[in-house]
Protein backbone atom coordinates (compact mmCIF):
# COMPACT_ATOMS: atom_id res chain seq x y z
CA UNK A 1 -37.22 40.88 -37.63
CA UNK A 2 -36.96 39.42 -41.10
CA UNK A 3 -33.67 38.00 -42.37
CA UNK A 4 -33.82 40.29 -45.43
CA UNK A 5 -34.52 43.42 -43.39
CA UNK A 6 -31.58 44.02 -41.08
CA UNK A 7 -29.48 47.02 -40.18
CA UNK A 8 -26.00 46.57 -41.61
CA UNK A 9 -25.09 47.23 -45.21
CA UNK A 10 -23.97 44.49 -47.59
CA UNK A 11 -22.53 46.92 -50.11
CA UNK A 12 -19.39 46.12 -52.03
CA UNK A 13 -16.32 46.36 -49.84
CA UNK A 14 -12.75 47.06 -50.81
CA UNK A 15 -10.43 44.16 -50.37
CA UNK A 16 -7.74 44.97 -47.83
CA UNK A 17 -4.20 44.04 -48.68
CA UNK A 18 -2.83 41.52 -46.24
CA UNK A 19 -0.56 42.88 -43.55
CA UNK A 20 3.11 41.97 -43.55
CA UNK A 21 3.64 38.37 -42.49
CA UNK A 22 6.87 36.46 -42.02
CA UNK A 23 5.02 33.31 -43.05
CA UNK A 24 4.42 34.70 -46.55
CA UNK A 25 8.11 35.34 -47.18
CA UNK A 26 10.34 32.87 -48.96
CA UNK A 27 12.89 30.87 -46.99
CA UNK A 28 15.72 33.01 -48.39
CA UNK A 29 13.99 36.22 -47.30
CA UNK A 30 13.38 34.85 -43.80
CA UNK A 31 17.00 33.73 -43.58
CA UNK A 32 18.19 37.18 -44.65
CA UNK A 33 16.06 38.83 -41.95
CA UNK A 34 17.44 36.47 -39.31
CA UNK A 35 21.03 37.07 -40.44
CA UNK A 36 20.52 40.84 -40.24
CA UNK A 37 19.01 40.51 -36.74
CA UNK A 38 21.88 38.29 -35.57
CA UNK A 39 24.46 40.69 -37.04
CA UNK A 40 22.75 43.60 -35.27
CA UNK A 41 22.76 41.74 -31.95
CA UNK A 42 26.43 40.80 -32.28
CA UNK A 43 27.21 44.37 -33.29
CA UNK A 44 25.50 45.55 -30.11
CA UNK A 45 27.47 43.08 -28.02
CA UNK A 46 30.73 44.14 -29.66
CA UNK A 47 29.88 47.82 -29.12
CA UNK A 48 28.95 47.21 -25.44
CA UNK A 49 32.16 45.33 -24.72
CA UNK A 50 34.49 47.78 -26.43
């Protein structure tokens, strides 16, 4: 089998947008997400104890 004559297509492909990643967020955005998660957890604790 020749290197030029193989089965898969090398046509132009669309570039996929990157999936959501916490590593791509700024420090302020990550901090905001953490603060929201902590507030939700404490809200759940408060709700469970009341």
